[in-house]
Amino acid sequence: MQAWYNNGQMRLLSQQNGDSQIWHENGQLYYQNTENKIAFFHENGQTALELVDNQISAWDKDGTPITANRAATLKQHLSQVKQTRDDVLNEIKINSTH
């Protein structure tokens, strides 16, 4: 499955093997899910979060590792990521039925 933004940038690529990617409207990768890794990215291209073999690593927009006292920032970012992912998938489902 593929979807694009109105500006022609790739928005979503979902493959039959379960791998998928979602991009920010500016063309930077936003979310990537492969067989052994899930990753989220900030709009500037910096990795925000990686989950590999049940090990989570997270960074702020400047590439600084997120410490325990910055967990609230990570939680907020992840909730936005999940909402955006859900919005994209719902929009694709709606558009594919018309």
PDB file of N, CA and C in Angstrom:
ATOM      1  N   MET A   1       0.847  -1.162   0.000  1.00  0.00           N
ATOM      2  CA  MET A   1       0.000   0.000   0.000  1.00  0.00           C
ATOM      3  C   MET A   1       0.900   1.235   0.000  1.00  0.00           C
ATOM      4  N   GLN A   2       0.524   2.230  -0.768  1.00  0.00           N
ATOM      5  CA  GLN A   2       1.269   3.471  -0.845  1.00  0.00           C
ATOM      6  C   GLN A   2       0.318   4.647  -0.744  1.00  0.00           C
ATOM      7  N   ALA A   3       0.819   5.741  -0.169  1.00  0.00           N
ATOM      8  CA  ALA A   3       0.037   6.977  -0.104  1.00  0.00           C
ATOM      9  C   ALA A   3       1.000   8.155  -0.195  1.00  0.00           C
ATOM     10  N   TRP A   4       0.504   9.268  -0.761  1.00  0.00           N
ATOM     11  CA  TRP A   4       1.326  10.456  -0.944  1.00  0.00           C
ATOM     12  C   TRP A   4       0.621  11.671  -0.353  1.00  0.00           C
ATOM     13  N   TYR A   5       1.435  12.666   0.019  1.00  0.00           N
ATOM     14  CA  TYR A   5       0.898  13.976   0.397  1.00  0.00           C
ATOM     15  C   TYR A   5       0.466  14.709  -0.874  1.00  0.00           C
ATOM     16  N   ASN A   6      -0.308  15.775  -0.716  1.00  0.00           N
ATOM     17  CA  ASN A   6      -0.735  16.582  -1.862  1.00  0.00           C
ATOM     18  C   ASN A   6       0.441  17.195  -2.613  1.00  0.00           C
ATOM     19  N   ASN A   7       1.576  17.385  -1.914  1.00  0.00           N
ATOM     20  CA  ASN A   7       2.755  17.966  -2.564  1.00  0.00           C
ATOM     21  C   ASN A   7       3.570  16.924  -3.332  1.00  0.00           C
ATOM     22  N   GLY A   8       3.101  15.677  -3.377  1.00  0.00           N
ATOM     23  CA  GLY A   8       3.788  14.628  -4.121  1.00  0.00           C
ATOM     24  C   GLY A   8       4.769  13.811  -3.302  1.00  0.00           C
ATOM     25  N   GLN A   9       5.047  14.238  -2.059  1.00  0.00           N
ATOM     26  CA  GLN A   9       5.960  13.483  -1.200  1.00  0.00           C
ATOM     27  C   GLN A   9       5.303  12.179  -0.757  1.00  0.00           C
ATOM     28  N   MET A  10       6.103  11.125  -0.675  1.00  0.00           N
ATOM     29  CA  MET A  10       5.610   9.842  -0.174  1.00  0.00           C
ATOM     30  C   MET A  10       5.156  10.020   1.271  1.00  0.00           C
ATOM     31  N   ARG A  11       4.003   9.465   1.597  1.00  0.00           N
ATOM     32  CA  ARG A  11       3.452   9.555   2.946  1.00  0.00           C
ATOM     33  C   ARG A  11       3.538   8.215   3.666  1.00  0.00           C
ATOM     34  N   LEU A  12       3.219   7.132   2.957  1.00  0.00           N
ATOM     35  CA  LEU A  12       3.166   5.814   3.578  1.00  0.00           C
ATOM     36  C   LEU A  12       3.551   4.756   2.567  1.00  0.00           C
ATOM     37  N   LEU A  13       4.316   3.795   3.030  1.00  0.00           N
ATOM     38  CA  LEU A  13       4.612   2.603   2.255  1.00  0.00           C
ATOM     39  C   LEU A  13       4.457   1.426   3.198  1.00  0.00           C
ATOM     40  N   SER A  14       3.532   0.559   2.897  1.00  0.00           N
ATOM     41  CA  SER A  14       3.289  -0.630   3.709  1.00  0.00           C
ATOM     42  C   SER A  14       3.428  -1.846   2.806  1.00  0.00           C
ATOM     43  N   GLN A  15       4.317  -2.757   3.180  1.00  0.00           N
ATOM     44  CA  GLN A  15       4.601  -3.913   2.349  1.00  0.00           C
ATOM     45  C   GLN A  15       3.920  -5.155   2.897  1.00  0.00           C
ATOM     46  N   GLN A  16       3.744  -6.141   2.055  1.00  0.00           N
ATOM     47  CA  GLN A  16       3.057  -7.369   2.448  1.00  0.00           C
ATOM     48  C   GLN A  16       3.787  -8.118   3.561  1.00  0.00           C
ATOM     49  N   ASN A  17       5.107  -7.970   3.658  1.00  0.00           N
ATOM     50  CA  ASN A  17       5.858  -8.664   4.706  1.00  0.00           C
ATOM     51  C   ASN A  17       5.731  -7.985   6.069  1.00  0.00           C
ATOM     52  N   GLY A  18       4.975  -6.883   6.142  1.00  0.00           N
ATOM     53  CA  GLY A  18       4.754  -6.189   7.402  1.00  0.00           C
ATOM     54  C   GLY A  18       5.636  -4.973   7.592  1.00  0.00           C
ATOM     55  N   ASP A  19       6.685  -4.834   6.789  1.00  0.00           N
ATOM     56  CA  ASP A  19       7.531  -3.647   6.872  1.00  0.00           C
ATOM     57  C   ASP A  19       6.726  -2.431   6.440  1.00  0.00           C
ATOM     58  N   SER A  20       6.954  -1.304   7.106  1.00  0.00           N
ATOM     59  CA  SER A  20       6.249  -0.093   6.714  1.00  0.00           C
ATOM     60  C   SER A  20       7.062   1.132   7.083  1.00  0.00           C
ATOM     61  N   GLN A  21       6.798   2.209   6.353  1.00  0.00           N
ATOM     62  CA  GLN A  21       7.412   3.499   6.626  1.00  0.00           C
ATOM     63  C   GLN A  21       6.354   4.572   6.455  1.00  0.00           C
ATOM     64  N   ILE A  22       6.478   5.614   7.282  1.00  0.00           N
ATOM     65  CA  ILE A  22       5.639   6.802   7.165  1.00  0.00           C
ATOM     66  C   ILE A  22       6.597   7.992   7.175  1.00  0.00           C
ATOM     67  N   TRP A  23       6.341   8.966   6.289  1.00  0.00           N
ATOM     68  CA  TRP A  23       7.195  10.136   6.193  1.00  0.00           C
ATOM     69  C   TRP A  23       6.477  11.389   6.659  1.00  0.00           C
ATOM     70  N   HIS A  24       7.282  12.361   7.168  1.00  0.00           N
ATOM     71  CA  HIS A  24       6.778  13.708   7.420  1.00  0.00           C
ATOM     72  C   HIS A  24       6.483  14.340   6.053  1.00  0.00           C
ATOM     73  N   GLU A  25       5.665  15.372   6.037  1.00  0.00           N
ATOM     74  CA  GLU A  25       5.341  16.049   4.783  1.00  0.00           C
ATOM     75  C   GLU A  25       6.575  16.681   4.141  1.00  0.00           C
ATOM     76  N   ASN A  26       7.598  16.968   4.958  1.00  0.00           N
ATOM     77  CA  ASN A  26       8.826  17.559   4.416  1.00  0.00           C
ATOM     78  C   ASN A  26       9.746  16.524   3.771  1.00  0.00           C
ATOM     79  N   GLY A  27       9.333  15.260   3.746  1.00  0.00           N
ATOM     80  CA  GLY A  27      10.125  14.216   3.110  1.00  0.00           C
ATOM     81  C   GLY A  27      11.020  13.430   4.047  1.00  0.00           C
ATOM     82  N   GLN A  28      11.130  13.869   5.302  1.00  0.00           N
ATOM     83  CA  GLN A  28      11.939  13.132   6.280  1.00  0.00           C
ATOM     84  C   GLN A  28      11.164  11.921   6.785  1.00  0.00           C
ATOM     85  N   LEU A  29      11.860  10.827   6.996  1.00  0.00           N
ATOM     86  CA  LEU A  29      11.240   9.623   7.527  1.00  0.00           C
ATOM     87  C   LEU A  29      10.693   9.887   8.929  1.00  0.00           C
ATOM     88  N   TYR A  30       9.497   9.398   9.207  1.00  0.00           N
ATOM     89  CA  TYR A  30       8.801   9.623  10.475  1.00  0.00           C
ATOM     90  C   TYR A  30       8.728   8.348  11.313  1.00  0.00           C
ATOM     91  N   TYR A  31       8.436   7.225  10.643  1.00  0.00           N
ATOM     92  CA  TYR A  31       8.222   5.951  11.328  1.00  0.00           C
ATOM     93  C   TYR A  31       8.713   4.845  10.418  1.00  0.00           C
ATOM     94  N   GLN A  32       9.376   3.858  11.020  1.00  0.00           N
ATOM     95  CA  GLN A  32       9.834   2.708  10.254  1.00  0.00           C
ATOM     96  C   GLN A  32       9.656   1.457  11.087  1.00  0.00           C
ATOM     97  N   ASN A  33       9.044   0.463  10.489  1.00  0.00           N
ATOM     98  CA  ASN A  33       8.828  -0.816  11.164  1.00  0.00           C
ATOM     99  C   ASN A  33       9.375  -1.910  10.256  1.00  0.00           C
ATOM    100  N   THR A  34      10.410  -2.606  10.721  1.00  0.00           N
ATOM    101  CA  THR A  34      10.972  -3.725   9.975  1.00  0.00           C
ATOM    102  C   THR A  34      10.902  -4.961  10.863  1.00  0.00           C
ATOM    103  N   GLU A  35      11.377  -6.064  10.350  1.00  0.00           N
ATOM    104  CA  GLU A  35      11.286  -7.329  11.069  1.00  0.00           C
ATOM    105  C   GLU A  35      11.885  -7.261  12.469  1.00  0.00           C
ATOM    106  N   ASN A  36      12.984  -6.541  12.643  1.00  0.00           N
ATOM    107  CA  ASN A  36      13.645  -6.541  13.944  1.00  0.00           C
ATOM    108  C   ASN A  36      13.778  -5.167  14.588  1.00  0.00           C
ATOM    109  N   LYS A  37      13.157  -4.129  14.003  1.00  0.00           N
ATOM    110  CA  LYS A  37      13.323  -2.787  14.570  1.00  0.00           C
ATOM    111  C   LYS A  37      12.116  -1.917  14.282  1.00  0.00           C
ATOM    112  N   ILE A  38      11.739  -1.142  15.284  1.00  0.00           N
ATOM    113  CA  ILE A  38      10.751  -0.079  15.133  1.00  0.00           C
ATOM    114  C   ILE A  38      11.469   1.215  15.472  1.00  0.00           C
ATOM    115  N   ALA A  39      11.306   2.219  14.634  1.00  0.00           N
ATOM    116  CA  ALA A  39      11.973   3.496  14.888  1.00  0.00           C
ATOM    117  C   ALA A  39      11.037   4.648  14.538  1.00  0.00           C
ATOM    118  N   PHE A  40      11.171   5.726  15.304  1.00  0.00           N
ATOM    119  CA  PHE A  40      10.461   6.971  15.063  1.00  0.00           C
ATOM    120  C   PHE A  40      11.511   8.059  14.897  1.00  0.00           C
ATOM    121  N   PHE A  41      11.212   9.048  14.051  1.00  0.00           N
ATOM    122  CA  PHE A  41      12.182  10.084  13.747  1.00  0.00           C
ATOM    123  C   PHE A  41      11.573  11.467  13.923  1.00  0.00           C
ATOM    124  N   HIS A  42      12.399  12.421  14.371  1.00  0.00           N
ATOM    125  CA  HIS A  42      11.994  13.824  14.448  1.00  0.00           C
ATOM    126  C   HIS A  42      11.941  14.394  13.032  1.00  0.00           C
ATOM    127  N   GLU A  43      11.273  15.530  12.853  1.00  0.00           N
ATOM    128  CA  GLU A  43      11.151  16.151  11.533  1.00  0.00           C
ATOM    129  C   GLU A  43      12.492  16.552  10.937  1.00  0.00           C
ATOM    130  N   ASN A  44      13.517  16.727  11.772  1.00  0.00           N
ATOM    131  CA  ASN A  44      14.833  17.091  11.262  1.00  0.00           C
ATOM    132  C   ASN A  44      15.659  15.871  10.861  1.00  0.00           C
ATOM    133  N   GLY A  45      15.072  14.683  10.933  1.00  0.00           N
ATOM    134  CA  GLY A  45      15.764  13.464  10.532  1.00  0.00           C
ATOM    135  C   GLY A  45      16.448  12.723  11.663  1.00  0.00           C
ATOM    136  N   GLN A  46      16.590  13.366  12.828  1.00  0.00           N
ATOM    137  CA  GLN A  46      17.211  12.701  13.973  1.00  0.00           C
ATOM    138  C   GLN A  46      16.314  11.578  14.476  1.00  0.00           C
ATOM    139  N   THR A  47      16.916  10.485  14.891  1.00  0.00           N
ATOM    140  CA  THR A  47      16.144   9.389  15.473  1.00  0.00           C
ATOM    141  C   THR A  47      15.554   9.835  16.796  1.00  0.00           C
ATOM    142  N   ALA A  48      14.263   9.595  16.988  1.00  0.00           N
ATOM    143  CA  ALA A  48      13.581   9.918  18.238  1.00  0.00           C
ATOM    144  C   ALA A  48      13.539   8.707  19.154  1.00  0.00           C
ATOM    145  N   LEU A  49      13.265   7.535  18.570  1.00  0.00           N
ATOM    146  CA  LEU A  49      13.126   6.330  19.376  1.00  0.00           C
ATOM    147  C   LEU A  49      13.426   5.116  18.514  1.00  0.00           C
ATOM    148  N   GLU A  50      14.117   4.147  19.119  1.00  0.00           N
ATOM    149  CA  GLU A  50      14.334   2.851  18.472  1.00  0.00           C
ATOM    150  C   GLU A  50      13.968   1.756  19.453  1.00  0.00           C
ATOM    151  N   LEU A  51      13.294   0.767  18.967  1.00  0.00           N
ATOM    152  CA  LEU A  51      12.987  -0.428  19.746  1.00  0.00           C
ATOM    153  C   LEU A  51      13.580  -1.604  18.983  1.00  0.00           C
ATOM    154  N   VAL A  52      14.642  -2.182  19.548  1.00  0.00           N
ATOM    155  CA  VAL A  52      15.328  -3.313  18.935  1.00  0.00           C
ATOM    156  C   VAL A  52      15.471  -4.389  20.001  1.00  0.00           C
ATOM    157  N   ASP A  53      14.953  -5.569  19.711  1.00  0.00           N
ATOM    158  CA  ASP A  53      15.043  -6.688  20.663  1.00  0.00           C
ATOM    159  C   ASP A  53      14.576  -6.276  22.058  1.00  0.00           C
ATOM    160  N   ASN A  54      13.444  -5.572  22.125  1.00  0.00           N
ATOM    161  CA  ASN A  54      12.838  -5.116  23.376  1.00  0.00           C
ATOM    162  C   ASN A  54      13.698  -4.132  24.150  1.00  0.00           C
ATOM    163  N   GLN A  55      14.713  -3.555  23.525  1.00  0.00           N
ATOM    164  CA  GLN A  55      15.533  -2.512  24.124  1.00  0.00           C
ATOM    165  C   GLN A  55      15.130  -1.180  23.509  1.00  0.00           C
ATOM    166  N   ILE A  56      14.753  -0.222  24.358  1.00  0.00           N
ATOM    167  CA  ILE A  56      14.321   1.086  23.875  1.00  0.00           C
ATOM    168  C   ILE A  56      15.433   2.103  24.080  1.00  0.00           C
ATOM    169  N   SER A  57      15.695   2.866  23.041  1.00  0.00           N
ATOM    170  CA  SER A  57      16.602   4.003  23.111  1.00  0.00           C
ATOM    171  C   SER A  57      15.853   5.202  22.562  1.00  0.00           C
ATOM    172  N   ALA A  58      16.092   6.388  23.147  1.00  0.00           N
ATOM    173  CA  ALA A  58      15.373   7.586  22.705  1.00  0.00           C
ATOM    174  C   ALA A  58      16.281   8.804  22.762  1.00  0.00           C
ATOM    175  N   TRP A  59      16.009   9.761  21.850  1.00  0.00           N
ATOM    176  CA  TRP A  59      16.815  10.965  21.741  1.00  0.00           C
ATOM    177  C   TRP A  59      15.922  12.166  21.500  1.00  0.00           C
ATOM    178  N   ASP A  60      16.391  13.348  21.890  1.00  0.00           N
ATOM    179  CA  ASP A  60      15.645  14.562  21.577  1.00  0.00           C
ATOM    180  C   ASP A  60      15.984  15.013  20.153  1.00  0.00           C
ATOM    181  N   LYS A  61      15.435  16.129  19.723  1.00  0.00           N
ATOM    182  CA  LYS A  61      15.627  16.589  18.347  1.00  0.00           C
ATOM    183  C   LYS A  61      17.072  16.928  18.017  1.00  0.00           C
ATOM    184  N   ASP A  62      17.885  17.186  19.052  1.00  0.00           N
ATOM    185  CA  ASP A  62      19.290  17.505  18.841  1.00  0.00           C
ATOM    186  C   ASP A  62      20.185  16.270  18.857  1.00  0.00           C
ATOM    187  N   GLY A  63      19.593  15.091  19.086  1.00  0.00           N
ATOM    188  CA  GLY A  63      20.378  13.862  19.134  1.00  0.00           C
ATOM    189  C   GLY A  63      20.889  13.508  20.521  1.00  0.00           C
ATOM    190  N   THR A  64      20.468  14.263  21.530  1.00  0.00           N
ATOM    191  CA  THR A  64      20.875  13.990  22.913  1.00  0.00           C
ATOM    192  C   THR A  64      20.008  12.877  23.480  1.00  0.00           C
ATOM    193  N   PRO A  65      20.628  11.849  24.078  1.00  0.00           N
ATOM    194  CA  PRO A  65      19.824  10.781  24.679  1.00  0.00           C
ATOM    195  C   PRO A  65      18.857  11.341  25.717  1.00  0.00           C
ATOM    196  N   ILE A  66      17.669  10.808  25.730  1.00  0.00           N
ATOM    197  CA  ILE A  66      16.656  11.239  26.686  1.00  0.00           C
ATOM    198  C   ILE A  66      16.858  10.493  27.994  1.00  0.00           C
ATOM    199  N   THR A  67      16.944  11.250  29.060  1.00  0.00           N
ATOM    200  CA  THR A  67      17.125  10.678  30.386  1.00  0.00           C
ATOM    201  C   THR A  67      15.763  10.534  31.069  1.00  0.00           C
ATOM    202  N   ALA A  68      15.756   9.935  32.231  1.00  0.00           N
ATOM    203  CA  ALA A  68      14.507   9.677  32.949  1.00  0.00           C
ATOM    204  C   ALA A  68      13.711  10.958  33.180  1.00  0.00           C
ATOM    205  N   ASN A  69      14.390  12.065  33.469  1.00  0.00           N
ATOM    206  CA  ASN A  69      13.663  13.305  33.742  1.00  0.00           C
ATOM    207  C   ASN A  69      13.068  13.921  32.475  1.00  0.00           C
ATOM    208  N   ARG A  70      13.353  13.352  31.321  1.00  0.00           N
ATOM    209  CA  ARG A  70      12.771  13.837  30.071  1.00  0.00           C
ATOM    210  C   ARG A  70      11.739  12.860  29.521  1.00  0.00           C
ATOM    211  N   ALA A  71      11.335  11.922  30.350  1.00  0.00           N
ATOM    212  CA  ALA A  71      10.380  10.898  29.923  1.00  0.00           C
ATOM    213  C   ALA A  71       9.051  11.506  29.488  1.00  0.00           C
ATOM    214  N   ALA A  72       8.662  12.605  30.092  1.00  0.00           N
ATOM    215  CA  ALA A  72       7.394  13.248  29.727  1.00  0.00           C
ATOM    216  C   ALA A  72       7.434  13.710  28.271  1.00  0.00           C
ATOM    217  N   THR A  73       8.584  14.226  27.828  1.00  0.00           N
ATOM    218  CA  THR A  73       8.743  14.643  26.437  1.00  0.00           C
ATOM    219  C   THR A  73       8.581  13.453  25.508  1.00  0.00           C
ATOM    220  N   LEU A  74       9.209  12.350  25.852  1.00  0.00           N
ATOM    221  CA  LEU A  74       9.106  11.145  25.042  1.00  0.00           C
ATOM    222  C   LEU A  74       7.666  10.651  24.991  1.00  0.00           C
ATOM    223  N   LYS A  75       7.012  10.631  26.124  1.00  0.00           N
ATOM    224  CA  LYS A  75       5.621  10.163  26.164  1.00  0.00           C
ATOM    225  C   LYS A  75       4.739  11.035  25.266  1.00  0.00           C
ATOM    226  N   GLN A  76       4.929  12.339  25.319  1.00  0.00           N
ATOM    227  CA  GLN A  76       4.149  13.249  24.482  1.00  0.00           C
ATOM    228  C   GLN A  76       4.429  12.985  23.008  1.00  0.00           C
ATOM    229  N   HIS A  77       5.684  12.829  22.650  1.00  0.00           N
ATOM    230  CA  HIS A  77       6.044  12.583  21.263  1.00  0.00           C
ATOM    231  C   HIS A  77       5.421  11.285  20.763  1.00  0.00           C
ATOM    232  N   LEU A  78       5.507  10.239  21.555  1.00  0.00           N
ATOM    233  CA  LEU A  78       4.966   8.947  21.135  1.00  0.00           C
ATOM    234  C   LEU A  78       3.455   8.992  20.965  1.00  0.00           C
ATOM    235  N   SER A  79       2.765   9.741  21.812  1.00  0.00           N
ATOM    236  CA  SER A  79       1.317   9.843  21.649  1.00  0.00           C
ATOM    237  C   SER A  79       0.980  10.577  20.352  1.00  0.00           C
ATOM    238  N   GLN A  80       1.784  11.590  19.989  1.00  0.00           N
ATOM    239  CA  GLN A  80       1.580  12.293  18.723  1.00  0.00           C
ATOM    240  C   GLN A  80       1.872  11.368  17.543  1.00  0.00           C
ATOM    241  N   VAL A  81       2.936  10.573  17.674  1.00  0.00           N
ATOM    242  CA  VAL A  81       3.299   9.631  16.614  1.00  0.00           C
ATOM    243  C   VAL A  81       2.185   8.624  16.402  1.00  0.00           C
ATOM    244  N   LYS A  82       1.676   8.069  17.475  1.00  0.00           N
ATOM    245  CA  LYS A  82       0.612   7.080  17.360  1.00  0.00           C
ATOM    246  C   LYS A  82      -0.627   7.695  16.723  1.00  0.00           C
ATOM    247  N   GLN A  83      -0.980   8.908  17.141  1.00  0.00           N
ATOM    248  CA  GLN A  83      -2.155   9.564  16.574  1.00  0.00           C
ATOM    249  C   GLN A  83      -1.959   9.828  15.089  1.00  0.00           C
ATOM    250  N   THR A  84      -0.777  10.293  14.702  1.00  0.00           N
ATOM    251  CA  THR A  84      -0.506  10.549  13.293  1.00  0.00           C
ATOM    252  C   THR A  84      -0.574   9.263  12.491  1.00  0.00           C
ATOM    253  N   ARG A  85       0.029   8.197  13.009  1.00  0.00           N
ATOM    254  CA  ARG A  85      -0.014   6.905  12.322  1.00  0.00           C
ATOM    255  C   ARG A  85      -1.451   6.433  12.148  1.00  0.00           C
ATOM    256  N   ASP A  86      -2.239   6.527  13.213  1.00  0.00           N
ATOM    257  CA  ASP A  86      -3.638   6.111  13.153  1.00  0.00           C
ATOM    258  C   ASP A  86      -4.423   6.966  12.163  1.00  0.00           C
ATOM    259  N   ASP A  87      -4.157   8.282  12.148  1.00  0.00           N
ATOM    260  CA  ASP A  87      -4.835   9.183  11.216  1.00  0.00           C
ATOM    261  C   ASP A  87      -4.505   8.809   9.771  1.00  0.00           C
ATOM    262  N   VAL A  88      -3.226   8.537   9.510  1.00  0.00           N
ATOM    263  CA  VAL A  88      -2.808   8.170   8.158  1.00  0.00           C
ATOM    264  C   VAL A  88      -3.502   6.883   7.723  1.00  0.00           C
ATOM    265  N   LEU A  89      -3.475   5.876   8.567  1.00  0.00           N
ATOM    266  CA  LEU A  89      -4.082   4.600   8.205  1.00  0.00           C
ATOM    267  C   LEU A  89      -5.587   4.726   8.021  1.00  0.00           C
ATOM    268  N   ASN A  90      -6.252   5.509   8.872  1.00  0.00           N
ATOM    269  CA  ASN A  90      -7.695   5.722   8.718  1.00  0.00           C
ATOM    270  C   ASN A  90      -8.012   6.474   7.435  1.00  0.00           C
ATOM    271  N   GLU A  91      -7.214   7.475   7.106  1.00  0.00           N
ATOM    272  CA  GLU A  91      -7.436   8.238   5.885  1.00  0.00           C
ATOM    273  C   GLU A  91      -7.264   7.348   4.657  1.00  0.00           C
ATOM    274  N   ILE A  92      -6.279   6.486   4.689  1.00  0.00           N
ATOM    275  CA  ILE A  92      -6.055   5.580   3.558  1.00  0.00           C
ATOM    276  C   ILE A  92      -7.218   4.610   3.416  1.00  0.00           C
ATOM    277  N   LYS A  93      -7.716   4.097   4.523  1.00  0.00           N
ATOM    278  CA  LYS A  93      -8.859   3.195   4.456  1.00  0.00           C
ATOM    279  C   LYS A  93     -10.077   3.895   3.879  1.00  0.00           C
ATOM    280  N   ILE A  94     -10.321   5.131   4.311  1.00  0.00           N
ATOM    281  CA  ILE A  94     -11.471   5.896   3.824  1.00  0.00           C
ATOM    282  C   ILE A  94     -11.319   6.165   2.329  1.00  0.00           C
ATOM    283  N   ASN A  95     -10.124   6.618   1.924  1.00  0.00           N
ATOM    284  CA  ASN A  95      -9.899   6.942   0.516  1.00  0.00           C
ATOM    285  C   ASN A  95      -9.934   5.714  -0.376  1.00  0.00           C
ATOM    286  N   SER A  96      -9.534   4.572   0.144  1.00  0.00           N
ATOM    287  CA  SER A  96      -9.503   3.372  -0.698  1.00  0.00           C
ATOM    288  C   SER A  96     -10.895   2.775  -0.897  1.00  0.00           C
ATOM    289  N   THR A  97     -11.861   3.218  -0.099  1.00  0.00           N
ATOM    290  CA  THR A  97     -13.232   2.708  -0.265  1.00  0.00           C
ATOM    291  C   THR A  97     -14.050   3.571  -1.216  1.00  0.00           C
ATOM    292  N   HIS A  98     -13.490   4.717  -1.632  1.00  0.00           N
ATOM    293  CA  HIS A  98     -14.228   5.620  -2.546  1.00  0.00           C
ATOM    294  C   HIS A  98     -13.770   5.440  -3.955  1.00  0.00           C
TER     295      HIS A  98
END
